[in-house]
């Protein structure tokens, strides 16, 4: 029983670390706030257009992927800045590729949003 309690406390503290990381991301990284604003806007549009469940799943999945990519990009930036405080071409490339991952997820999520909204308005 003691091991179970210890294990449970460890898992709960892991959630604490995750929430602290999410808070840091939203507080200190402006692009993540822009993505959250886009998410809130898309939720409002989805609500207003009375999206069916499958469209809500698409909106939430795309939004979650964009925010997760932004979080990973921020983590890469933090680690690169830690291990390479001076400019190094590979450090720059690592940051650029991580930012590219965010760009890919955001662009494709935006295209999916356009398709979902267009379908709801014009019933394509």
Protein backbone atom coordinates (compact mmCIF):
# COMPACT_ATOMS: atom_id res chain seq x y z
CA UNK A 1 0.00 0.00 0.00
CA UNK A 2 2.88 2.31 0.84
CA UNK A 3 4.37 1.76 -2.64
CA UNK A 4 1.05 2.61 -4.28
CA UNK A 5 0.79 5.88 -2.37
CA UNK A 6 4.38 6.76 -3.24
CA UNK A 7 3.79 5.89 -6.89
CA UNK A 8 0.57 7.96 -6.96
CA UNK A 9 2.34 10.98 -5.46
CA UNK A 10 5.05 10.70 -8.11
CA UNK A 11 2.47 10.65 -10.89
CA UNK A 12 0.67 13.65 -9.40
CA UNK A 13 3.91 15.61 -9.20
CA UNK A 14 4.48 14.81 -12.88
CA UNK A 15 1.19 16.56 -13.65
CA UNK A 16 2.46 19.52 -11.66
CA UNK A 17 5.56 19.71 -13.85
CA UNK A 18 3.40 19.51 -16.97
CA UNK A 19 1.13 22.33 -15.80
CA UNK A 20 4.16 24.42 -14.88
CA UNK A 21 5.55 23.87 -18.38
CA UNK A 22 2.23 24.78 -20.01
CA UNK A 23 2.04 27.92 -17.87
CA UNK A 24 5.59 28.89 -18.84
CA UNK A 25 4.78 28.30 -22.51
CA UNK A 26 1.68 30.50 -22.46
CA UNK A 27 3.19 33.18 -20.23
CA UNK A 28 6.63 33.60 -21.78
CA UNK A 29 6.27 32.58 -25.42
CA UNK A 30 4.20 34.99 -27.52
CA UNK A 31 3.55 32.63 -30.47
CA UNK A 32 1.80 30.18 -28.15
CA UNK A 33 -0.60 32.92 -27.10
CA UNK A 34 -1.35 33.61 -30.76
CA UNK A 35 -2.10 29.90 -31.27
CA UNK A 36 -4.37 29.92 -28.20
CA UNK A 37 -6.18 32.97 -29.57
CA UNK A 38 -6.67 31.16 -32.90
CA UNK A 39 -7.97 28.14 -30.98
CA UNK A 40 -10.48 30.24 -29.05
CA UNK A 41 -11.58 31.88 -32.31
CA UNK A 42 -12.03 28.53 -34.00
CA UNK A 43 -14.03 27.23 -31.05
CA UNK A 44 -16.31 30.27 -31.34
CA UNK A 45 -16.75 29.73 -35.10
CA UNK A 46 -17.34 26.01 -34.56
CA UNK A 47 -19.94 26.73 -31.91
CA UNK A 48 -21.64 29.35 -34.07
CA UNK A 49 -21.80 27.03 -37.08
CA UNK A 50 -23.04 24.16 -34.88
CA UNK A 51 -20.32 21.73 -35.94
CA UNK A 52 -21.13 18.04 -35.67
CA UNK A 53 -19.00 15.87 -33.41
CA UNK A 54 -16.54 14.77 -36.11
CA UNK A 55 -15.73 18.40 -36.93
CA UNK A 56 -15.16 19.17 -33.25
CA UNK A 57 -12.76 16.25 -33.11
CA UNK A 58 -10.86 17.68 -36.09
CA UNK A 59 -10.73 21.16 -34.52
CA UNK A 60 -9.50 19.85 -31.18
CA UNK A 61 -6.98 17.47 -32.76
CA UNK A 62 -5.50 20.15 -35.01
CA UNK A 63 -5.39 22.71 -32.21
CA UNK A 64 -3.75 20.23 -29.86
CA UNK A 65 -1.14 19.33 -32.44
CA UNK A 66 -0.27 22.97 -33.09
CA UNK A 67 0.08 23.71 -29.38
CA UNK A 68 2.13 20.53 -28.84
CA UNK A 69 4.42 21.47 -31.74
CA UNK A 70 4.81 24.96 -30.25
CA UNK A 71 5.69 23.44 -26.88
CA UNK A 72 8.30 21.15 -28.43
CA UNK A 73 9.72 24.07 -30.41
CA UNK A 74 10.04 26.09 -27.21
CA UNK A 75 11.72 23.16 -25.46
CA UNK A 76 14.22 22.85 -28.33
CA UNK A 77 14.93 26.59 -28.13
CA UNK A 78 15.52 26.39 -24.36
CA UNK A 79 17.88 23.43 -24.67
CA UNK A 80 19.79 24.89 -27.62
CA UNK A 81 20.21 28.20 -25.78
CA UNK A 82 21.48 26.30 -22.74
CA UNK A 83 24.07 24.17 -24.53
CA UNK A 84 25.08 26.72 -27.15
CA UNK A 85 24.91 30.26 -25.76
CA UNK A 86 27.09 31.54 -28.59
CA UNK A 87 25.87 31.34 -32.16
CA UNK A 88 26.56 28.08 -33.91
CA UNK A 89 25.23 27.15 -37.35
CA UNK A 90 23.89 23.78 -36.12
CA UNK A 91 22.17 25.43 -33.16
CA UNK A 92 20.47 27.78 -35.58
CA UNK A 93 19.44 24.91 -37.83
CA UNK A 94 17.96 22.98 -34.88
CA UNK A 95 15.87 26.00 -33.92
CA UNK A 96 14.81 26.61 -37.52
CA UNK A 97 13.71 23.01 -38.06
CA UNK A 98 11.73 23.03 -34.81
CA UNK A 99 10.05 26.26 -35.90
CA UNK A 100 9.36 24.66 -39.27
CA UNK A 101 7.47 21.88 -37.50
CA UNK A 102 5.21 24.49 -35.92
CA UNK A 103 4.74 26.13 -39.31
CA UNK A 104 3.71 22.83 -40.91
CA UNK A 105 1.17 22.02 -38.20
CA UNK A 106 -0.24 25.55 -38.18
CA UNK A 107 -0.58 25.79 -41.98
CA UNK A 108 -2.19 22.39 -42.36
CA UNK A 109 -4.47 23.03 -39.40
CA UNK A 110 -5.47 26.33 -40.99
CA UNK A 111 -6.28 24.55 -44.25
CA UNK A 112 -8.38 22.01 -42.37
CA UNK A 113 -10.19 24.85 -40.59
CA UNK A 114 -10.96 26.49 -43.95
CA UNK A 115 -12.35 23.21 -45.28
CA UNK A 116 -14.49 22.66 -42.18
CA UNK A 117 -15.92 26.18 -42.21
CA UNK A 118 -16.47 26.17 -45.98
CA UNK A 119 -18.31 22.88 -45.72
CA UNK A 120 -20.50 24.22 -42.90
CA UNK A 121 -21.37 27.40 -44.78
CA UNK A 122 -21.80 26.14 -48.33
CA UNK A 123 -22.24 22.43 -47.73
CA UNK A 124 -19.66 21.32 -50.25
